Amino acid sequence: MDNKIAVFRGKEIRRVLKGNEWLFSVVDVIAALTDSENPAVYWRVLKKRLKDEGADQTVTKCNAFKMPAADGKLRLTDMADTETMFRLIQSIPSPKAEPFKRWLARVGYERVQEIEDPELGTKRTRALYKAKGYSDAWIEKRMRGIAIREELTDEWKKRGVKEETEYAILTAEISKATFGLTPSQYKKLKRLKRENLRDHFSDLEQIFSILGEAATTEITRTTDAQGFYESKDAAREGGEVAGKARKDLESRTGKKIVSRRNYLQQPENRKLLKGNK
C-alpha cells in the first residue's frame, strides 16, 4: 500500500493505494464539500441516515485504515473507493456537492445512451484519445485492438473461463509469448503504475498485440479449446505466432519492438501533439 495526499478544492484528501485502486478519506471529502465544523460527526450522522434508507452496503464498503492525522499520529479513518465515494457525494446536501451530482447524472445519462447505441461509446472513446494527442492512425489501431480483445474474451467466456484471475493469466501467456514480458513486467519496463499499458504502446507494439490476441481467438476456435487449461495452451500458441513475427521483423530491421518509450513520448509524436494544441 502506498499513502499519498490529493488536493481537492484546496483541501488535502488523504488516500491510500490498495491493490490497484485508490481509497479516499471520507471525512476529508466531507470537509471539502460541506461547511461542517466537525466532518467526523457529519459522517456519523450520514452513516446512520444511509442505514435508515437501506444503503447499508454503501456504509459497509467504507473500511477503516490507519492514516496520518493532523497531530501527526496514525489514527483509524474510514476510506472509500471511487464508486462508493460518488455514492456518498450524492447523499451530501450541500451546494458545493451539486456540480459533482450534475456531473454524475450526466455520466449516467451518457452510459444509458451508450447501452442503447453502442456506437456512441466508440465515438466518445475516439474523441478522448484525440484530445490526449493521439494520431488518427494510432486511434484506429487502438479501437481495432479493443474489438479484437472483446472478441477473444467473449470466446473465453463461452468456453468456461469466467474468473478474473484466469483472464489475467491467459492474457499474460499471450503477452509473454508475443513480447517476452508479462503485462506487469511490461508496465514496469515503461515505468507505468495504474495507467493502461496498451494506451502506451507504439504502433508496432499495438500491431503485434492485436496479432497475438487474434491468433489466439482463431486457434481457440480451431482446436475447440474448452476450459481454462486448454485455453491457456491456445493462448500460448497464439502469442507464439505474434512472437515469431516480431522476432523476424526485429532481425530484418535491427530494431527492437519492445521499448521503454510510449507513443506520446516519441519525438515525432510530441511535435504532432504540440501542433494539435
C-alpha atoms as a PDB file:
ATOM      1  CA  MET A   1       0.000   0.000   0.000  1.00  0.00           C
ATOM      2  CA  ASP A   2       1.199   3.470  -0.879  1.00  0.00           C
ATOM      3  CA  ASN A   3      -0.053   6.515   1.077  1.00  0.00           C
ATOM      4  CA  LYS A   4      -0.490   9.787  -0.785  1.00  0.00           C
ATOM      5  CA  ILE A   5      -2.154  13.168  -0.370  1.00  0.00           C
ATOM      6  CA  ALA A   6      -4.503  14.507  -3.037  1.00  0.00           C
ATOM      7  CA  VAL A   7      -5.611  18.132  -3.228  1.00  0.00           C
ATOM      8  CA  PHE A   8      -9.273  18.748  -3.942  1.00  0.00           C
ATOM      9  CA  ARG A   9     -10.782  22.240  -3.944  1.00  0.00           C
ATOM     10  CA  GLY A  10      -7.816  23.452  -1.956  1.00  0.00           C
ATOM     11  CA  LYS A  11      -8.328  20.765   0.686  1.00  0.00           C
ATOM     12  CA  GLU A  12      -5.996  17.874   1.376  1.00  0.00           C
ATOM     13  CA  ILE A  13      -7.580  14.468   0.834  1.00  0.00           C
ATOM     14  CA  ARG A  14      -5.774  11.514   2.382  1.00  0.00           C
ATOM     15  CA  ARG A  15      -5.748   8.450   0.179  1.00  0.00           C
ATOM     16  CA  VAL A  16      -4.214   5.008   0.126  1.00  0.00           C
ATOM     17  CA  LEU A  17      -3.467   2.733  -2.824  1.00  0.00           C
ATOM     18  CA  LYS A  18      -4.721  -0.754  -2.052  1.00  0.00           C
ATOM     19  CA  GLY A  19      -4.077  -3.274  -4.786  1.00  0.00           C
ATOM     20  CA  ASN A  20      -4.723  -1.245  -7.926  1.00  0.00           C
ATOM     21  CA  GLU A  21      -7.344   1.143  -6.559  1.00  0.00           C
ATOM     22  CA  TRP A  22      -7.255   4.370  -4.603  1.00  0.00           C
ATOM     23  CA  LEU A  23      -9.240   4.639  -1.375  1.00  0.00           C
ATOM     24  CA  PHE A  24     -10.094   8.159  -0.167  1.00  0.00           C
ATOM     25  CA  SER A  25     -10.710   9.510   3.322  1.00  0.00           C
ATOM     26  CA  VAL A  26     -14.451  10.042   3.743  1.00  0.00           C
ATOM     27  CA  VAL A  27     -14.151  12.792   6.365  1.00  0.00           C
ATOM     28  CA  ASP A  28     -11.658  14.693   4.196  1.00  0.00           C
ATOM     29  CA  VAL A  29     -14.075  14.704   1.244  1.00  0.00           C
ATOM     30  CA  ILE A  30     -16.915  15.775   3.548  1.00  0.00           C
ATOM     31  CA  ALA A  31     -14.737  18.631   4.804  1.00  0.00           C
ATOM     32  CA  ALA A  32     -14.095  19.716   1.211  1.00  0.00           C
ATOM     33  CA  LEU A  33     -17.756  19.589   0.160  1.00  0.00           C
ATOM     34  CA  THR A  34     -19.527  20.954   3.241  1.00  0.00           C
ATOM     35  CA  ASP A  35     -19.179  23.769   5.745  1.00  0.00           C
ATOM     36  CA  SER A  36     -19.278  21.320   8.634  1.00  0.00           C
ATOM     37  CA  GLU A  37     -17.083  22.303  11.580  1.00  0.00           C
ATOM     38  CA  ASN A  38     -16.833  18.642  12.560  1.00  0.00           C
ATOM     39  CA  PRO A  39     -16.701  16.340   9.488  1.00  0.00           C
ATOM     40  CA  ALA A  40     -16.370  13.258  11.717  1.00  0.00           C
ATOM     41  CA  VAL A  41     -19.724  13.984  13.375  1.00  0.00           C
ATOM     42  CA  TYR A  42     -21.235  14.777   9.962  1.00  0.00           C
ATOM     43  CA  TRP A  43     -20.069  11.363   8.739  1.00  0.00           C
ATOM     44  CA  ARG A  44     -21.587   9.573  11.758  1.00  0.00           C
ATOM     45  CA  VAL A  45     -24.940  11.240  11.105  1.00  0.00           C
ATOM     46  CA  LEU A  46     -24.717  10.493   7.366  1.00  0.00           C
ATOM     47  CA  LYS A  47     -23.898   6.837   8.064  1.00  0.00           C
ATOM     48  CA  LYS A  48     -26.988   6.498  10.242  1.00  0.00           C
ATOM     49  CA  ARG A  49     -29.164   8.140   7.595  1.00  0.00           C
ATOM     50  CA  LEU A  50     -27.816   5.856   4.889  1.00  0.00           C
ATOM     51  CA  LYS A  51     -28.523   2.790   7.024  1.00  0.00           C
ATOM     52  CA  ASP A  52     -32.048   4.022   7.725  1.00  0.00           C
ATOM     53  CA  GLU A  53     -32.549   4.435   3.967  1.00  0.00           C
ATOM     54  CA  GLY A  54     -31.417   0.855   3.352  1.00  0.00           C
ATOM     55  CA  ALA A  55     -27.992   1.777   1.983  1.00  0.00           C
ATOM     56  CA  ASP A  56     -26.124  -0.475   4.429  1.00  0.00           C
ATOM     57  CA  GLN A  57     -23.945  -1.853   1.625  1.00  0.00           C
ATOM     58  CA  THR A  58     -22.544   1.596   0.887  1.00  0.00           C
ATOM     59  CA  VAL A  59     -21.573   2.067   4.527  1.00  0.00           C
ATOM     60  CA  THR A  60     -20.001  -1.395   4.867  1.00  0.00           C
ATOM     61  CA  LYS A  61     -17.818  -0.707   1.815  1.00  0.00           C
ATOM     62  CA  CYS A  62     -16.065   2.009   3.825  1.00  0.00           C
ATOM     63  CA  ASN A  63     -13.112   0.350   5.558  1.00  0.00           C
ATOM     64  CA  ALA A  64     -11.017   1.831   8.351  1.00  0.00           C
ATOM     65  CA  PHE A  65      -7.311   2.408   7.731  1.00  0.00           C
ATOM     66  CA  LYS A  66      -4.658   3.968   9.912  1.00  0.00           C
ATOM     67  CA  MET A  67      -3.773   7.283   8.308  1.00  0.00           C
ATOM     68  CA  PRO A  68      -1.683  10.265   9.472  1.00  0.00           C
ATOM     69  CA  ALA A  69      -3.904  12.692  11.416  1.00  0.00           C
ATOM     70  CA  ALA A  70      -3.450  16.441  11.932  1.00  0.00           C
ATOM     71  CA  ASP A  71      -1.373  15.758  15.055  1.00  0.00           C
ATOM     72  CA  GLY A  72       0.973  13.518  13.060  1.00  0.00           C
ATOM     73  CA  LYS A  73      -0.197  10.317  14.722  1.00  0.00           C
ATOM     74  CA  LEU A  74      -1.677   7.348  12.885  1.00  0.00           C
ATOM     75  CA  ARG A  75      -5.406   7.090  13.527  1.00  0.00           C
ATOM     76  CA  LEU A  76      -8.163   4.936  12.077  1.00  0.00           C
ATOM     77  CA  THR A  77     -10.324   6.693   9.494  1.00  0.00           C
ATOM     78  CA  ASP A  78     -12.966   5.394   7.099  1.00  0.00           C
ATOM     79  CA  MET A  79     -11.785   5.106   3.496  1.00  0.00           C
ATOM     80  CA  ALA A  80     -13.913   4.538   0.376  1.00  0.00           C
ATOM     81  CA  ASP A  81     -13.163   3.627  -3.230  1.00  0.00           C
ATOM     82  CA  THR A  82     -14.183   5.912  -6.098  1.00  0.00           C
ATOM     83  CA  GLU A  83     -17.563   4.278  -6.744  1.00  0.00           C
ATOM     84  CA  THR A  84     -18.544   4.356  -3.067  1.00  0.00           C
ATOM     85  CA  MET A  85     -17.320   7.928  -2.718  1.00  0.00           C
ATOM     86  CA  PHE A  86     -19.504   9.020  -5.631  1.00  0.00           C
ATOM     87  CA  ARG A  87     -22.483   7.390  -3.911  1.00  0.00           C
ATOM     88  CA  LEU A  88     -21.694   9.269  -0.707  1.00  0.00           C
ATOM     89  CA  ILE A  89     -21.363  12.578  -2.551  1.00  0.00           C
ATOM     90  CA  GLN A  90     -24.879  12.044  -3.922  1.00  0.00           C
ATOM     91  CA  SER A  91     -26.118  11.896  -0.322  1.00  0.00           C
ATOM     92  CA  ILE A  92     -24.445  15.136   0.784  1.00  0.00           C
ATOM     93  CA  PRO A  93     -26.988  18.024   0.757  1.00  0.00           C
ATOM     94  CA  SER A  94     -24.537  20.824   0.066  1.00  0.00           C
ATOM     95  CA  PRO A  95     -24.301  23.438  -2.712  1.00  0.00           C
ATOM     96  CA  LYS A  96     -20.615  22.528  -3.060  1.00  0.00           C
ATOM     97  CA  ALA A  97     -21.606  18.970  -3.948  1.00  0.00           C
ATOM     98  CA  GLU A  98     -24.107  19.986  -6.638  1.00  0.00           C
ATOM     99  CA  PRO A  99     -21.583  20.297  -9.528  1.00  0.00           C
ATOM    100  CA  PHE A 100     -20.456  16.733  -8.868  1.00  0.00           C
ATOM    101  CA  LYS A 101     -24.017  15.462  -8.658  1.00  0.00           C
ATOM    102  CA  ARG A 102     -24.796  17.078 -12.013  1.00  0.00           C
ATOM    103  CA  TRP A 103     -21.641  15.562 -13.495  1.00  0.00           C
ATOM    104  CA  LEU A 104     -22.563  12.106 -12.167  1.00  0.00           C
ATOM    105  CA  ALA A 105     -26.057  12.478 -13.610  1.00  0.00           C
ATOM    106  CA  ARG A 106     -24.555  13.428 -16.963  1.00  0.00           C
ATOM    107  CA  VAL A 107     -22.175  10.445 -16.920  1.00  0.00           C
ATOM    108  CA  GLY A 108     -25.070   8.147 -16.019  1.00  0.00           C
ATOM    109  CA  TYR A 109     -27.190   9.559 -18.835  1.00  0.00           C
ATOM    110  CA  GLU A 110     -24.356   9.077 -21.341  1.00  0.00           C
ATOM    111  CA  ARG A 111     -23.907   5.496 -20.163  1.00  0.00           C
ATOM    112  CA  VAL A 112     -27.600   4.759 -20.764  1.00  0.00           C
ATOM    113  CA  GLN A 113     -27.238   6.289 -24.240  1.00  0.00           C
ATOM    114  CA  GLU A 114     -24.251   4.019 -24.943  1.00  0.00           C
ATOM    115  CA  ILE A 115     -26.208   0.940 -23.882  1.00  0.00           C
ATOM    116  CA  GLU A 116     -28.982   1.888 -26.311  1.00  0.00           C
ATOM    117  CA  ASP A 117     -26.492   2.825 -29.052  1.00  0.00           C
ATOM    118  CA  PRO A 118     -23.006   1.272 -28.524  1.00  0.00           C
ATOM    119  CA  GLU A 119     -21.615   3.343 -31.401  1.00  0.00           C
ATOM    120  CA  LEU A 120     -21.852   6.440 -29.182  1.00  0.00           C
ATOM    121  CA  GLY A 121     -19.406   4.863 -26.724  1.00  0.00           C
ATOM    122  CA  THR A 122     -16.970   4.192 -29.554  1.00  0.00           C
ATOM    123  CA  LYS A 123     -17.231   7.801 -30.757  1.00  0.00           C
ATOM    124  CA  ARG A 124     -16.593   9.143 -27.240  1.00  0.00           C
ATOM    125  CA  THR A 125     -13.568   6.876 -26.832  1.00  0.00           C
ATOM    126  CA  ARG A 126     -12.131   8.107 -30.132  1.00  0.00           C
ATOM    127  CA  ALA A 127     -12.701  11.730 -29.106  1.00  0.00           C
ATOM    128  CA  LEU A 128     -10.983  11.110 -25.764  1.00  0.00           C
ATOM    129  CA  TYR A 129      -7.870   9.666 -27.421  1.00  0.00           C
ATOM    130  CA  LYS A 130      -7.849  12.522 -29.917  1.00  0.00           C
ATOM    131  CA  ALA A 131      -7.961  15.060 -27.083  1.00  0.00           C
ATOM    132  CA  LYS A 132      -4.956  13.339 -25.477  1.00  0.00           C
ATOM    133  CA  GLY A 133      -2.923  13.890 -28.639  1.00  0.00           C
ATOM    134  CA  TYR A 134      -3.011  10.504 -30.347  1.00  0.00           C
ATOM    135  CA  SER A 135      -2.985  10.423 -34.151  1.00  0.00           C
ATOM    136  CA  ASP A 136      -5.932   9.132 -36.160  1.00  0.00           C
ATOM    137  CA  ALA A 137      -3.841   6.170 -37.338  1.00  0.00           C
ATOM    138  CA  TRP A 138      -2.919   5.225 -33.759  1.00  0.00           C
ATOM    139  CA  ILE A 139      -6.537   5.581 -32.624  1.00  0.00           C
ATOM    140  CA  GLU A 140      -7.707   3.338 -35.455  1.00  0.00           C
ATOM    141  CA  LYS A 141      -5.327   0.591 -34.344  1.00  0.00           C
ATOM    142  CA  ARG A 142      -6.287   1.056 -30.685  1.00  0.00           C
ATOM    143  CA  MET A 143     -10.000   0.759 -31.453  1.00  0.00           C
ATOM    144  CA  ARG A 144      -9.337  -2.326 -33.549  1.00  0.00           C
ATOM    145  CA  GLY A 145      -7.345  -3.766 -30.674  1.00  0.00           C
ATOM    146  CA  ILE A 146     -10.251  -3.184 -28.293  1.00  0.00           C
ATOM    147  CA  ALA A 147     -12.615  -5.001 -30.681  1.00  0.00           C
ATOM    148  CA  ILE A 148     -10.193  -7.944 -31.062  1.00  0.00           C
ATOM    149  CA  ARG A 149      -9.788  -8.139 -27.289  1.00  0.00           C
ATOM    150  CA  GLU A 150     -13.563  -8.211 -26.743  1.00  0.00           C
ATOM    151  CA  GLU A 151     -13.920 -10.960 -29.349  1.00  0.00           C
ATOM    152  CA  LEU A 152     -11.287 -13.031 -27.532  1.00  0.00           C
ATOM    153  CA  THR A 153     -12.768 -12.572 -24.054  1.00  0.00           C
ATOM    154  CA  ASP A 154     -16.224 -13.456 -25.398  1.00  0.00           C
ATOM    155  CA  GLU A 155     -14.723 -16.663 -26.793  1.00  0.00           C
ATOM    156  CA  TRP A 156     -13.112 -17.474 -23.445  1.00  0.00           C
ATOM    157  CA  LYS A 157     -16.392 -16.857 -21.662  1.00  0.00           C
ATOM    158  CA  LYS A 158     -18.222 -19.277 -23.957  1.00  0.00           C
ATOM    159  CA  ARG A 159     -15.623 -21.927 -23.143  1.00  0.00           C
ATOM    160  CA  GLY A 160     -15.918 -21.752 -19.372  1.00  0.00           C
ATOM    161  CA  VAL A 161     -13.281 -19.162 -18.482  1.00  0.00           C
ATOM    162  CA  LYS A 162     -15.011 -16.883 -16.000  1.00  0.00           C
ATOM    163  CA  GLU A 163     -12.697 -15.850 -13.153  1.00  0.00           C
ATOM    164  CA  GLU A 164     -10.857 -12.529 -13.446  1.00  0.00           C
ATOM    165  CA  THR A 165      -7.644 -14.211 -12.326  1.00  0.00           C
ATOM    166  CA  GLU A 166      -7.973 -16.707 -15.183  1.00  0.00           C
ATOM    167  CA  TYR A 167      -8.410 -13.895 -17.725  1.00  0.00           C
ATOM    168  CA  ALA A 168      -5.283 -12.241 -16.318  1.00  0.00           C
ATOM    169  CA  ILE A 169      -3.245 -15.469 -16.562  1.00  0.00           C
ATOM    170  CA  LEU A 170      -4.357 -16.126 -20.143  1.00  0.00           C
ATOM    171  CA  THR A 171      -3.534 -12.540 -21.117  1.00  0.00           C
ATOM    172  CA  ALA A 172      -0.115 -12.903 -19.502  1.00  0.00           C
ATOM    173  CA  GLU A 173       0.516 -16.085 -21.540  1.00  0.00           C
ATOM    174  CA  ILE A 174      -0.182 -14.245 -24.797  1.00  0.00           C
ATOM    175  CA  SER A 175       1.940 -11.255 -23.808  1.00  0.00           C
ATOM    176  CA  LYS A 176       4.858 -13.408 -22.625  1.00  0.00           C
ATOM    177  CA  ALA A 177       4.909 -15.388 -25.877  1.00  0.00           C
ATOM    178  CA  THR A 178       4.459 -12.242 -28.014  1.00  0.00           C
ATOM    179  CA  PHE A 179       6.836  -9.812 -26.310  1.00  0.00           C
ATOM    180  CA  GLY A 180       8.815 -11.915 -23.834  1.00  0.00           C
ATOM    181  CA  LEU A 181       7.185  -9.969 -20.994  1.00  0.00           C
ATOM    182  CA  THR A 182       4.009 -10.331 -18.936  1.00  0.00           C
ATOM    183  CA  PRO A 183       1.802  -7.197 -18.753  1.00  0.00           C
ATOM    184  CA  SER A 184       3.068  -6.403 -15.229  1.00  0.00           C
ATOM    185  CA  GLN A 185       6.696  -6.705 -16.396  1.00  0.00           C
ATOM    186  CA  TYR A 186       5.889  -4.571 -19.434  1.00  0.00           C
ATOM    187  CA  LYS A 187       4.347  -1.849 -17.270  1.00  0.00           C
ATOM    188  CA  LYS A 188       7.429  -1.880 -15.064  1.00  0.00           C
ATOM    189  CA  LEU A 189       9.636  -1.507 -18.148  1.00  0.00           C
ATOM    190  CA  LYS A 190       7.614   1.514 -19.296  1.00  0.00           C
ATOM    191  CA  ARG A 191       7.561   2.909 -15.737  1.00  0.00           C
ATOM    192  CA  LEU A 192       3.784   2.786 -15.545  1.00  0.00           C
ATOM    193  CA  LYS A 193       1.706   2.276 -12.414  1.00  0.00           C
ATOM    194  CA  ARG A 194      -2.069   2.353 -12.798  1.00  0.00           C
ATOM    195  CA  GLU A 195      -2.072   3.537 -16.431  1.00  0.00           C
ATOM    196  CA  ASN A 196      -3.428   1.301 -19.171  1.00  0.00           C
ATOM    197  CA  LEU A 197      -0.450  -0.448 -20.768  1.00  0.00           C
ATOM    198  CA  ARG A 198      -1.970  -0.547 -24.256  1.00  0.00           C
ATOM    199  CA  ASP A 199      -2.521   3.207 -24.209  1.00  0.00           C
ATOM    200  CA  HIS A 200       1.274   3.488 -24.054  1.00  0.00           C
ATOM    201  CA  PHE A 201       2.041   1.095 -26.905  1.00  0.00           C
ATOM    202  CA  SER A 202       3.747   2.292 -30.059  1.00  0.00           C
ATOM    203  CA  ASP A 203       2.148   1.481 -33.423  1.00  0.00           C
ATOM    204  CA  LEU A 204       4.137  -1.742 -33.804  1.00  0.00           C
ATOM    205  CA  GLU A 205       3.548  -2.838 -30.212  1.00  0.00           C
ATOM    206  CA  GLN A 206      -0.163  -2.414 -30.858  1.00  0.00           C
ATOM    207  CA  ILE A 207       0.009  -4.396 -34.094  1.00  0.00           C
ATOM    208  CA  PHE A 208       1.779  -7.369 -32.512  1.00  0.00           C
ATOM    209  CA  SER A 209      -0.549  -7.278 -29.517  1.00  0.00           C
ATOM    210  CA  ILE A 210      -3.524  -7.432 -31.880  1.00  0.00           C
ATOM    211  CA  LEU A 211      -1.902 -10.273 -33.843  1.00  0.00           C
ATOM    212  CA  GLY A 212      -1.303 -12.295 -30.673  1.00  0.00           C
ATOM    213  CA  GLU A 213      -4.905 -11.982 -29.492  1.00  0.00           C
ATOM    214  CA  ALA A 214      -6.427 -12.501 -32.951  1.00  0.00           C
ATOM    215  CA  ALA A 215      -4.284 -15.633 -33.440  1.00  0.00           C
ATOM    216  CA  THR A 216      -5.343 -16.894 -30.009  1.00  0.00           C
ATOM    217  CA  THR A 217      -9.009 -16.457 -30.902  1.00  0.00           C
ATOM    218  CA  GLU A 218      -8.543 -18.376 -34.147  1.00  0.00           C
ATOM    219  CA  ILE A 219      -6.572 -21.213 -32.502  1.00  0.00           C
ATOM    220  CA  THR A 220      -9.102 -21.430 -29.655  1.00  0.00           C
ATOM    221  CA  ARG A 221     -11.904 -21.905 -32.180  1.00  0.00           C
ATOM    222  CA  THR A 222      -9.986 -24.279 -34.439  1.00  0.00           C
ATOM    223  CA  THR A 223      -8.904 -26.575 -31.604  1.00  0.00           C
ATOM    224  CA  ASP A 224     -12.244 -26.130 -29.810  1.00  0.00           C
ATOM    225  CA  ALA A 225     -10.374 -25.415 -26.576  1.00  0.00           C
ATOM    226  CA  GLN A 226     -12.534 -25.909 -23.507  1.00  0.00           C
ATOM    227  CA  GLY A 227     -11.939 -24.616 -20.007  1.00  0.00           C
ATOM    228  CA  PHE A 228      -9.010 -22.752 -18.546  1.00  0.00           C
ATOM    229  CA  TYR A 229      -6.148 -25.170 -19.213  1.00  0.00           C
ATOM    230  CA  GLU A 230      -6.930 -25.819 -22.873  1.00  0.00           C
ATOM    231  CA  SER A 231      -7.473 -22.084 -23.358  1.00  0.00           C
ATOM    232  CA  LYS A 232      -4.077 -21.485 -21.763  1.00  0.00           C
ATOM    233  CA  ASP A 233      -2.418 -23.745 -24.359  1.00  0.00           C
ATOM    234  CA  ALA A 234      -4.206 -21.847 -27.138  1.00  0.00           C
ATOM    235  CA  ALA A 235      -3.149 -18.515 -25.612  1.00  0.00           C
ATOM    236  CA  ARG A 236       0.491 -19.558 -25.580  1.00  0.00           C
ATOM    237  CA  GLU A 237       0.292 -20.777 -29.194  1.00  0.00           C
ATOM    238  CA  GLY A 238      -1.424 -17.589 -30.321  1.00  0.00           C
ATOM    239  CA  GLY A 239       1.228 -15.500 -28.614  1.00  0.00           C
ATOM    240  CA  GLU A 240       3.958 -17.578 -30.260  1.00  0.00           C
ATOM    241  CA  VAL A 241       2.572 -16.702 -33.704  1.00  0.00           C
ATOM    242  CA  ALA A 242       2.944 -12.993 -32.920  1.00  0.00           C
ATOM    243  CA  GLY A 243       6.253 -13.560 -31.143  1.00  0.00           C
ATOM    244  CA  LYS A 244       7.806 -15.222 -34.190  1.00  0.00           C
ATOM    245  CA  ALA A 245       6.599 -12.395 -36.428  1.00  0.00           C
ATOM    246  CA  ARG A 246       8.045  -9.813 -34.005  1.00  0.00           C
ATOM    247  CA  LYS A 247      11.434 -11.542 -33.886  1.00  0.00           C
ATOM    248  CA  ASP A 248      11.503 -11.837 -37.670  1.00  0.00           C
ATOM    249  CA  LEU A 249      10.883  -8.102 -38.079  1.00  0.00           C
ATOM    250  CA  GLU A 250      13.498  -7.271 -35.453  1.00  0.00           C
ATOM    251  CA  SER A 251      16.105  -9.442 -37.228  1.00  0.00           C
ATOM    252  CA  ARG A 252      15.347  -7.800 -40.575  1.00  0.00           C
ATOM    253  CA  THR A 253      15.385  -4.204 -39.285  1.00  0.00           C
ATOM    254  CA  GLY A 254      17.853  -4.481 -36.426  1.00  0.00           C
ATOM    255  CA  LYS A 255      15.388  -2.573 -34.238  1.00  0.00           C
ATOM    256  CA  LYS A 256      13.699  -3.768 -31.054  1.00  0.00           C
ATOM    257  CA  ILE A 257       9.895  -3.590 -30.911  1.00  0.00           C
ATOM    258  CA  VAL A 258       9.648  -3.719 -27.112  1.00  0.00           C
ATOM    259  CA  SER A 259      10.592  -0.296 -25.772  1.00  0.00           C
ATOM    260  CA  ARG A 260      10.564   1.796 -22.583  1.00  0.00           C
ATOM    261  CA  ARG A 261       9.014   4.661 -24.543  1.00  0.00           C
ATOM    262  CA  ASN A 262       5.318   5.160 -25.037  1.00  0.00           C
ATOM    263  CA  TYR A 263       3.617   6.581 -28.110  1.00  0.00           C
ATOM    264  CA  LEU A 264       3.358  10.192 -26.941  1.00  0.00           C
ATOM    265  CA  GLN A 265       6.970  10.221 -25.725  1.00  0.00           C
ATOM    266  CA  GLN A 266       8.341   9.644 -29.228  1.00  0.00           C
ATOM    267  CA  PRO A 267       9.776  12.914 -30.637  1.00  0.00           C
ATOM    268  CA  GLU A 268       7.711  12.848 -33.835  1.00  0.00           C
ATOM    269  CA  ASN A 269       4.502  12.377 -31.850  1.00  0.00           C
ATOM    270  CA  ARG A 270       5.361  15.107 -29.319  1.00  0.00           C
ATOM    271  CA  LYS A 271       5.641  17.518 -32.260  1.00  0.00           C
ATOM    272  CA  LEU A 272       2.263  16.310 -33.515  1.00  0.00           C
ATOM    273  CA  LEU A 273       0.739  16.813 -30.072  1.00  0.00           C
ATOM    274  CA  LYS A 274       2.070  20.395 -29.856  1.00  0.00           C
ATOM    275  CA  GLY A 275       0.672  21.092 -33.321  1.00  0.00           C
ATOM    276  CA  ASN A 276      -2.785  19.956 -32.226  1.00  0.00           C
ATOM    277  CA  LYS A 277      -2.912  22.296 -29.247  1.00  0.00           C
END
